[in-house]
Amino acid sequence: MTTTTDITRPPLTLSDIVPFVDFCREAEKLKLATRSGLQWMLRYRHENGLIASGAVVEKRLNPTAKRPALFIVKPRFIAWLANDSQQAA
């Protein structure tokens, strides 16, 4: 049985999911965003829909860690960014 989420979200590969720091480096290299701009977006990830869209994954690598490690799901982040831009227009 196929659900609607299966139709709208193509399958992911491991190369689609990258640590936040690596994503920042790549975005800065391509001059798409600055690290501080991306940090601002992630600071409000629960409010702006990054978590709900699946564009950002929080993972506590150590159960006693106060803050989770952040990973970016690149295809979903791009979709969130494009959708967010359309809503702002």
PDB file of N, CA and C in Angstrom:
ATOM      1  N   MET A   1       0.838  -1.181   0.000  1.00  0.00           N
ATOM      2  CA  MET A   1       0.000   0.000   0.000  1.00  0.00           C
ATOM      3  C   MET A   1       0.885   1.247   0.000  1.00  0.00           C
ATOM      4  N   THR A   2       0.611   2.192  -0.870  1.00  0.00           N
ATOM      5  CA  THR A   2       1.388   3.421  -0.971  1.00  0.00           C
ATOM      6  C   THR A   2       0.642   4.555  -0.276  1.00  0.00           C
ATOM      7  N   THR A   3       1.358   5.283   0.545  1.00  0.00           N
ATOM      8  CA  THR A   3       0.753   6.442   1.205  1.00  0.00           C
ATOM      9  C   THR A   3       1.114   7.692   0.434  1.00  0.00           C
ATOM     10  N   THR A   4       0.447   8.794   0.769  1.00  0.00           N
ATOM     11  CA  THR A   4       0.727  10.055   0.072  1.00  0.00           C
ATOM     12  C   THR A   4       2.138  10.533   0.331  1.00  0.00           C
ATOM     13  N   THR A   5       2.698  10.252   1.504  1.00  0.00           N
ATOM     14  CA  THR A   5       4.063  10.686   1.767  1.00  0.00           C
ATOM     15  C   THR A   5       5.053   9.945   0.879  1.00  0.00           C
ATOM     16  N   ASP A   6       4.745   8.702   0.516  1.00  0.00           N
ATOM     17  CA  ASP A   6       5.620   7.963  -0.379  1.00  0.00           C
ATOM     18  C   ASP A   6       5.636   8.600  -1.764  1.00  0.00           C
ATOM     19  N   ILE A   7       4.515   9.162  -2.191  1.00  0.00           N
ATOM     20  CA  ILE A   7       4.402   9.757  -3.517  1.00  0.00           C
ATOM     21  C   ILE A   7       5.109  11.112  -3.557  1.00  0.00           C
ATOM     22  N   THR A   8       4.927  11.930  -2.540  1.00  0.00           N
ATOM     23  CA  THR A   8       5.473  13.278  -2.572  1.00  0.00           C
ATOM     24  C   THR A   8       6.940  13.343  -2.176  1.00  0.00           C
ATOM     25  N   ARG A   9       7.431  12.347  -1.458  1.00  0.00           N
ATOM     26  CA  ARG A   9       8.825  12.355  -1.023  1.00  0.00           C
ATOM     27  C   ARG A   9       9.569  11.184  -1.646  1.00  0.00           C
ATOM     28  N   PRO A  10      10.488  11.493  -2.561  1.00  0.00           N
ATOM     29  CA  PRO A  10      11.264  10.398  -3.158  1.00  0.00           C
ATOM     30  C   PRO A  10      12.164   9.760  -2.105  1.00  0.00           C
ATOM     31  N   PRO A  11      12.581   8.516  -2.329  1.00  0.00           N
ATOM     32  CA  PRO A  11      13.443   7.848  -1.360  1.00  0.00           C
ATOM     33  C   PRO A  11      14.766   8.595  -1.192  1.00  0.00           C
ATOM     34  N   LEU A  12      15.266   8.582   0.037  1.00  0.00           N
ATOM     35  CA  LEU A  12      16.519   9.261   0.337  1.00  0.00           C
ATOM     36  C   LEU A  12      17.679   8.279   0.305  1.00  0.00           C
ATOM     37  N   THR A  13      18.860   8.819   0.052  1.00  0.00           N
ATOM     38  CA  THR A  13      20.083   8.030   0.157  1.00  0.00           C
ATOM     39  C   THR A  13      20.931   8.647   1.262  1.00  0.00           C
ATOM     40  N   LEU A  14      21.938   7.937   1.698  1.00  0.00           N
ATOM     41  CA  LEU A  14      22.808   8.462   2.758  1.00  0.00           C
ATOM     42  C   LEU A  14      23.499   9.760   2.346  1.00  0.00           C
ATOM     43  N   SER A  15      23.778   9.936   1.072  1.00  0.00           N
ATOM     44  CA  SER A  15      24.444  11.163   0.624  1.00  0.00           C
ATOM     45  C   SER A  15      23.511  12.376   0.690  1.00  0.00           C
ATOM     46  N   ASP A  16      22.210  12.147   0.866  1.00  0.00           N
ATOM     47  CA  ASP A  16      21.253  13.254   1.003  1.00  0.00           C
ATOM     48  C   ASP A  16      21.287  13.869   2.393  1.00  0.00           C
ATOM     49  N   ILE A  17      21.814  13.128   3.365  1.00  0.00           N
ATOM     50  CA  ILE A  17      21.810  13.585   4.760  1.00  0.00           C
ATOM     51  C   ILE A  17      23.243  13.938   5.156  1.00  0.00           C
ATOM     52  N   VAL A  18      23.441  15.209   5.524  1.00  0.00           N
ATOM     53  CA  VAL A  18      24.793  15.676   5.862  1.00  0.00           C
ATOM     54  C   VAL A  18      24.770  16.426   7.190  1.00  0.00           C
ATOM     55  N   PRO A  19      25.878  16.390   7.920  1.00  0.00           N
ATOM     56  CA  PRO A  19      25.968  17.197   9.138  1.00  0.00           C
ATOM     57  C   PRO A  19      25.826  18.679   8.799  1.00  0.00           C
ATOM     58  N   PHE A  20      25.277  19.442   9.736  1.00  0.00           N
ATOM     59  CA  PHE A  20      25.041  20.865   9.523  1.00  0.00           C
ATOM     60  C   PHE A  20      26.310  21.604   9.100  1.00  0.00           C
ATOM     61  N   VAL A  21      27.445  21.303   9.737  1.00  0.00           N
ATOM     62  CA  VAL A  21      28.699  22.002   9.415  1.00  0.00           C
ATOM     63  C   VAL A  21      29.101  21.770   7.962  1.00  0.00           C
ATOM     64  N   ASP A  22      28.935  20.557   7.480  1.00  0.00           N
ATOM     65  CA  ASP A  22      29.271  20.259   6.087  1.00  0.00           C
ATOM     66  C   ASP A  22      28.327  20.993   5.136  1.00  0.00           C
ATOM     67  N   PHE A  23      27.059  21.062   5.495  1.00  0.00           N
ATOM     68  CA  PHE A  23      26.085  21.783   4.680  1.00  0.00           C
ATOM     69  C   PHE A  23      26.436  23.267   4.610  1.00  0.00           C
ATOM     70  N   CYS A  24      26.837  23.834   5.753  1.00  0.00           N
ATOM     71  CA  CYS A  24      27.252  25.248   5.787  1.00  0.00           C
ATOM     72  C   CYS A  24      28.421  25.497   4.852  1.00  0.00           C
ATOM     73  N   ARG A  25      29.423  24.630   4.927  1.00  0.00           N
ATOM     74  CA  ARG A  25      30.608  24.766   4.079  1.00  0.00           C
ATOM     75  C   ARG A  25      30.223  24.754   2.600  1.00  0.00           C
ATOM     76  N   GLU A  26      29.360  23.809   2.245  1.00  0.00           N
ATOM     77  CA  GLU A  26      28.934  23.674   0.847  1.00  0.00           C
ATOM     78  C   GLU A  26      28.132  24.895   0.402  1.00  0.00           C
ATOM     79  N   ALA A  27      27.221  25.373   1.245  1.00  0.00           N
ATOM     80  CA  ALA A  27      26.392  26.536   0.901  1.00  0.00           C
ATOM     81  C   ALA A  27      27.242  27.797   0.764  1.00  0.00           C
ATOM     82  N   GLU A  28      28.222  27.969   1.647  1.00  0.00           N
ATOM     83  CA  GLU A  28      29.104  29.142   1.563  1.00  0.00           C
ATOM     84  C   GLU A  28      29.990  29.073   0.317  1.00  0.00           C
ATOM     85  N   LYS A  29      30.488  27.884   0.015  1.00  0.00           N
ATOM     86  CA  LYS A  29      31.336  27.698  -1.166  1.00  0.00           C
ATOM     87  C   LYS A  29      30.586  28.067  -2.442  1.00  0.00           C
ATOM     88  N   LEU A  30      29.297  27.702  -2.492  1.00  0.00           N
ATOM     89  CA  LEU A  30      28.473  28.006  -3.663  1.00  0.00           C
ATOM     90  C   LEU A  30      27.841  29.397  -3.598  1.00  0.00           C
ATOM     91  N   LYS A  31      28.135  30.118  -2.503  1.00  0.00           N
ATOM     92  CA  LYS A  31      27.607  31.474  -2.271  1.00  0.00           C
ATOM     93  C   LYS A  31      26.073  31.503  -2.254  1.00  0.00           C
ATOM     94  N   LEU A  32      25.486  30.455  -1.664  1.00  0.00           N
ATOM     95  CA  LEU A  32      24.030  30.386  -1.540  1.00  0.00           C
ATOM     96  C   LEU A  32      23.545  30.955  -0.220  1.00  0.00           C
ATOM     97  N   ALA A  33      24.354  30.826   0.815  1.00  0.00           N
ATOM     98  CA  ALA A  33      23.978  31.307   2.146  1.00  0.00           C
ATOM     99  C   ALA A  33      25.230  31.420   3.003  1.00  0.00           C
ATOM    100  N   THR A  34      25.138  32.218   4.047  1.00  0.00           N
ATOM    101  CA  THR A  34      26.235  32.319   4.999  1.00  0.00           C
ATOM    102  C   THR A  34      25.974  31.383   6.170  1.00  0.00           C
ATOM    103  N   ARG A  35      27.018  31.077   6.891  1.00  0.00           N
ATOM    104  CA  ARG A  35      26.876  30.212   8.069  1.00  0.00           C
ATOM    105  C   ARG A  35      25.940  30.852   9.086  1.00  0.00           C
ATOM    106  N   SER A  36      26.095  32.166   9.303  1.00  0.00           N
ATOM    107  CA  SER A  36      25.239  32.842  10.292  1.00  0.00           C
ATOM    108  C   SER A  36      23.779  32.846   9.845  1.00  0.00           C
ATOM    109  N   GLY A  37      23.535  32.979   8.549  1.00  0.00           N
ATOM    110  CA  GLY A  37      22.161  32.923   8.042  1.00  0.00           C
ATOM    111  C   GLY A  37      21.535  31.556   8.245  1.00  0.00           C
ATOM    112  N   LEU A  38      22.323  30.519   7.997  1.00  0.00           N
ATOM    113  CA  LEU A  38      21.830  29.159   8.203  1.00  0.00           C
ATOM    114  C   LEU A  38      21.626  28.869   9.689  1.00  0.00           C
ATOM    115  N   GLN A  39      22.527  29.379  10.532  1.00  0.00           N
ATOM    116  CA  GLN A  39      22.363  29.196  11.980  1.00  0.00           C
ATOM    117  C   GLN A  39      21.079  29.860  12.456  1.00  0.00           C
ATOM    118  N   TRP A  40      20.754  31.021  11.910  1.00  0.00           N
ATOM    119  CA  TRP A  40      19.529  31.719  12.284  1.00  0.00           C
ATOM    120  C   TRP A  40      18.312  30.862  11.910  1.00  0.00           C
ATOM    121  N   MET A  41      18.338  30.297  10.695  1.00  0.00           N
ATOM    122  CA  MET A  41      17.227  29.440  10.265  1.00  0.00           C
ATOM    123  C   MET A  41      17.074  28.239  11.201  1.00  0.00           C
ATOM    124  N   LEU A  42      18.207  27.635  11.570  1.00  0.00           N
ATOM    125  CA  LEU A  42      18.147  26.460  12.432  1.00  0.00           C
ATOM    126  C   LEU A  42      17.793  26.799  13.870  1.00  0.00           C
ATOM    127  N   ARG A  43      18.115  27.997  14.304  1.00  0.00           N
ATOM    128  CA  ARG A  43      17.744  28.406  15.665  1.00  0.00           C
ATOM    129  C   ARG A  43      16.224  28.366  15.831  1.00  0.00           C
ATOM    130  N   TYR A  44      15.507  28.693  14.767  1.00  0.00           N
ATOM    131  CA  TYR A  44      14.036  28.722  14.796  1.00  0.00           C
ATOM    132  C   TYR A  44      13.439  27.557  14.018  1.00  0.00           C
ATOM    133  N   ARG A  45      14.129  26.428  13.984  1.00  0.00           N
ATOM    134  CA  ARG A  45      13.712  25.277  13.172  1.00  0.00           C
ATOM    135  C   ARG A  45      12.352  24.710  13.555  1.00  0.00           C
ATOM    136  N   HIS A  46      11.979  24.815  14.826  1.00  0.00           N
ATOM    137  CA  HIS A  46      10.674  24.296  15.237  1.00  0.00           C
ATOM    138  C   HIS A  46       9.555  25.246  14.810  1.00  0.00           C
ATOM    139  N   GLU A  47       9.846  26.542  14.798  1.00  0.00           N
ATOM    140  CA  GLU A  47       8.840  27.541  14.440  1.00  0.00           C
ATOM    141  C   GLU A  47       8.676  27.704  12.933  1.00  0.00           C
ATOM    142  N   ASN A  48       9.770  27.596  12.178  1.00  0.00           N
ATOM    143  CA  ASN A  48       9.694  27.891  10.748  1.00  0.00           C
ATOM    144  C   ASN A  48       9.393  26.675   9.869  1.00  0.00           C
ATOM    145  N   GLY A  49       9.233  25.509  10.475  1.00  0.00           N
ATOM    146  CA  GLY A  49       8.819  24.335   9.713  1.00  0.00           C
ATOM    147  C   GLY A  49       9.938  23.431   9.220  1.00  0.00           C
ATOM    148  N   LEU A  50      11.189  23.746   9.554  1.00  0.00           N
ATOM    149  CA  LEU A  50      12.288  22.889   9.101  1.00  0.00           C
ATOM    150  C   LEU A  50      12.205  21.486   9.701  1.00  0.00           C
ATOM    151  N   ILE A  51      11.811  21.399  10.966  1.00  0.00           N
ATOM    152  CA  ILE A  51      11.666  20.084  11.607  1.00  0.00           C
ATOM    153  C   ILE A  51      10.451  19.351  11.029  1.00  0.00           C
ATOM    154  N   ALA A  52       9.315  20.050  10.954  1.00  0.00           N
ATOM    155  CA  ALA A  52       8.077  19.431  10.467  1.00  0.00           C
ATOM    156  C   ALA A  52       8.209  18.931   9.027  1.00  0.00           C
ATOM    157  N   SER A  53       8.988  19.638   8.216  1.00  0.00           N
ATOM    158  CA  SER A  53       9.153  19.240   6.815  1.00  0.00           C
ATOM    159  C   SER A  53      10.137  18.089   6.650  1.00  0.00           C
ATOM    160  N   GLY A  54      10.892  17.790   7.696  1.00  0.00           N
ATOM    161  CA  GLY A  54      11.893  16.734   7.607  1.00  0.00           C
ATOM    162  C   GLY A  54      13.200  17.211   7.015  1.00  0.00           C
ATOM    163  N   ALA A  55      13.348  18.533   6.856  1.00  0.00           N
ATOM    164  CA  ALA A  55      14.577  19.093   6.289  1.00  0.00           C
ATOM    165  C   ALA A  55      15.728  19.067   7.281  1.00  0.00           C
ATOM    166  N   VAL A  56      15.404  19.056   8.574  1.00  0.00           N
ATOM    167  CA  VAL A  56      16.416  19.009   9.620  1.00  0.00           C
ATOM    168  C   VAL A  56      16.107  17.839  10.539  1.00  0.00           C
ATOM    169  N   VAL A  57      17.143  17.092  10.869  1.00  0.00           N
ATOM    170  CA  VAL A  57      17.014  15.959  11.780  1.00  0.00           C
ATOM    171  C   VAL A  57      17.866  16.250  13.009  1.00  0.00           C
ATOM    172  N   GLU A  58      17.258  16.112  14.187  1.00  0.00           N
ATOM    173  CA  GLU A  58      17.984  16.262  15.446  1.00  0.00           C
ATOM    174  C   GLU A  58      18.287  14.865  15.972  1.00  0.00           C
ATOM    175  N   LYS A  59      19.530  14.633  16.340  1.00  0.00           N
ATOM    176  CA  LYS A  59      19.909  13.323  16.857  1.00  0.00           C
ATOM    177  C   LYS A  59      20.872  13.499  18.028  1.00  0.00           C
ATOM    178  N   ARG A  60      20.487  12.978  19.166  1.00  0.00           N
ATOM    179  CA  ARG A  60      21.390  12.991  20.324  1.00  0.00           C
ATOM    180  C   ARG A  60      22.338  11.803  20.178  1.00  0.00           C
ATOM    181  N   LEU A  61      23.587  12.112  19.868  1.00  0.00           N
ATOM    182  CA  LEU A  61      24.574  11.060  19.671  1.00  0.00           C
ATOM    183  C   LEU A  61      25.000  10.450  20.999  1.00  0.00           C
ATOM    184  N   ASN A  62      24.832  11.214  22.057  1.00  0.00           N
ATOM    185  CA  ASN A  62      25.133  10.769  23.407  1.00  0.00           C
ATOM    186  C   ASN A  62      23.887  11.041  24.245  1.00  0.00           C
ATOM    187  N   PRO A  63      23.335  10.059  24.924  1.00  0.00           N
ATOM    188  CA  PRO A  63      22.098  10.266  25.691  1.00  0.00           C
ATOM    189  C   PRO A  63      22.184  11.371  26.745  1.00  0.00           C
ATOM    190  N   THR A  64      23.382  11.697  27.193  1.00  0.00           N
ATOM    191  CA  THR A  64      23.524  12.748  28.208  1.00  0.00           C
ATOM    192  C   THR A  64      23.813  14.117  27.601  1.00  0.00           C
ATOM    193  N   ALA A  65      23.906  14.199  26.269  1.00  0.00           N
ATOM    194  CA  ALA A  65      24.190  15.473  25.602  1.00  0.00           C
ATOM    195  C   ALA A  65      23.038  16.449  25.806  1.00  0.00           C
ATOM    196  N   LYS A  66      23.390  17.700  26.059  1.00  0.00           N
ATOM    197  CA  LYS A  66      22.360  18.723  26.249  1.00  0.00           C
ATOM    198  C   LYS A  66      21.745  19.150  24.918  1.00  0.00           C
ATOM    199  N   ARG A  67      22.562  19.185  23.878  1.00  0.00           N
ATOM    200  CA  ARG A  67      22.079  19.612  22.568  1.00  0.00           C
ATOM    201  C   ARG A  67      22.216  18.475  21.557  1.00  0.00           C
ATOM    202  N   PRO A  68      21.252  18.369  20.668  1.00  0.00           N
ATOM    203  CA  PRO A  68      21.350  17.318  19.646  1.00  0.00           C
ATOM    204  C   PRO A  68      22.290  17.739  18.514  1.00  0.00           C
ATOM    205  N   ALA A  69      22.844  16.757  17.837  1.00  0.00           N
ATOM    206  CA  ALA A  69      23.572  17.021  16.602  1.00  0.00           C
ATOM    207  C   ALA A  69      22.519  17.302  15.535  1.00  0.00           C
ATOM    208  N   LEU A  70      22.827  18.215  14.630  1.00  0.00           N
ATOM    209  CA  LEU A  70      21.878  18.590  13.585  1.00  0.00           C
ATOM    210  C   LEU A  70      22.360  18.089  12.230  1.00  0.00           C
ATOM    211  N   PHE A  71      21.445  17.484  11.508  1.00  0.00           N
ATOM    212  CA  PHE A  71      21.731  16.987  10.172  1.00  0.00           C
ATOM    213  C   PHE A  71      20.739  17.612   9.201  1.00  0.00           C
ATOM    214  N   ILE A  72      21.211  17.903   8.012  1.00  0.00           N
ATOM    215  CA  ILE A  72      20.372  18.495   6.971  1.00  0.00           C
ATOM    216  C   ILE A  72      20.049  17.423   5.933  1.00  0.00           C
ATOM    217  N   VAL A  73      18.777  17.324   5.591  1.00  0.00           N
ATOM    218  CA  VAL A  73      18.334  16.446   4.503  1.00  0.00           C
ATOM    219  C   VAL A  73      18.208  17.366   3.285  1.00  0.00           C
ATOM    220  N   LYS A  74      19.234  17.334   2.446  1.00  0.00           N
ATOM    221  CA  LYS A  74      19.365  18.334   1.376  1.00  0.00           C
ATOM    222  C   LYS A  74      18.138  18.457   0.462  1.00  0.00           C
ATOM    223  N   PRO A  75      17.563  17.379  -0.072  1.00  0.00           N
ATOM    224  CA  PRO A  75      16.400  17.554  -0.958  1.00  0.00           C
ATOM    225  C   PRO A  75      15.213  18.210  -0.237  1.00  0.00           C
ATOM    226  N   ARG A  76      14.999  17.856   1.021  1.00  0.00           N
ATOM    227  CA  ARG A  76      13.881  18.432   1.770  1.00  0.00           C
ATOM    228  C   ARG A  76      14.166  19.880   2.166  1.00  0.00           C
ATOM    229  N   PHE A  77      15.422  20.200   2.442  1.00  0.00           N
ATOM    230  CA  PHE A  77      15.778  21.579   2.767  1.00  0.00           C
ATOM    231  C   PHE A  77      15.531  22.477   1.554  1.00  0.00           C
ATOM    232  N   ILE A  78      15.943  22.016   0.393  1.00  0.00           N
ATOM    233  CA  ILE A  78      15.733  22.792  -0.842  1.00  0.00           C
ATOM    234  C   ILE A  78      14.245  22.966  -1.113  1.00  0.00           C
ATOM    235  N   ALA A  79      13.461  21.897  -0.914  1.00  0.00           N
ATOM    236  CA  ALA A  79      12.008  21.990  -1.100  1.00  0.00           C
ATOM    237  C   ALA A  79      11.398  22.967  -0.099  1.00  0.00           C
ATOM    238  N   TRP A  80      11.864  22.929   1.149  1.00  0.00           N
ATOM    239  CA  TRP A  80      11.363  23.859   2.169  1.00  0.00           C
ATOM    240  C   TRP A  80      11.710  25.291   1.785  1.00  0.00           C
ATOM    241  N   LEU A  81      12.927  25.503   1.331  1.00  0.00           N
ATOM    242  CA  LEU A  81      13.376  26.838   0.950  1.00  0.00           C
ATOM    243  C   LEU A  81      12.560  27.366  -0.231  1.00  0.00           C
ATOM    244  N   ALA A  82      12.328  26.529  -1.221  1.00  0.00           N
ATOM    245  CA  ALA A  82      11.536  26.943  -2.392  1.00  0.00           C
ATOM    246  C   ALA A  82      10.094  27.222  -1.984  1.00  0.00           C
ATOM    247  N   ASN A  83       9.516  26.396  -1.151  1.00  0.00           N
ATOM    248  CA  ASN A  83       8.136  26.575  -0.684  1.00  0.00           C
ATOM    249  C   ASN A  83       8.034  27.833   0.161  1.00  0.00           C
ATOM    250  N   ASP A  84       8.991  28.062   1.043  1.00  0.00           N
ATOM    251  CA  ASP A  84       9.007  29.241   1.906  1.00  0.00           C
ATOM    252  C   ASP A  84       9.108  30.510   1.073  1.00  0.00           C
ATOM    253  N   SER A  85       9.910  30.477   0.019  1.00  0.00           N
ATOM    254  CA  SER A  85      10.064  31.638  -0.864  1.00  0.00           C
ATOM    255  C   SER A  85       8.766  31.947  -1.597  1.00  0.00           C
ATOM    256  N   GLN A  86       8.041  30.902  -2.003  1.00  0.00           N
ATOM    257  CA  GLN A  86       6.772  31.104  -2.702  1.00  0.00           C
ATOM    258  C   GLN A  86       5.727  31.719  -1.782  1.00  0.00           C
ATOM    259  N   GLN A  87       5.723  31.304  -0.505  1.00  0.00           N
ATOM    260  CA  GLN A  87       4.763  31.850   0.438  1.00  0.00           C
ATOM    261  C   GLN A  87       5.057  33.303   0.757  1.00  0.00           C
ATOM    262  N   ALA A  88       6.337  33.687   0.737  1.00  0.00           N
ATOM    263  CA  ALA A  88       6.715  35.062   1.051  1.00  0.00           C
ATOM    264  C   ALA A  88       6.330  36.019  -0.078  1.00  0.00           C
ATOM    265  N   ALA A  89       6.254  35.509  -1.308  1.00  0.00           N
ATOM    266  CA  ALA A  89       5.975  36.381  -2.471  1.00  0.00           C
ATOM    267  C   ALA A  89       4.529  36.812  -2.530  1.00  0.00           C
TER     268      ALA A  89
END
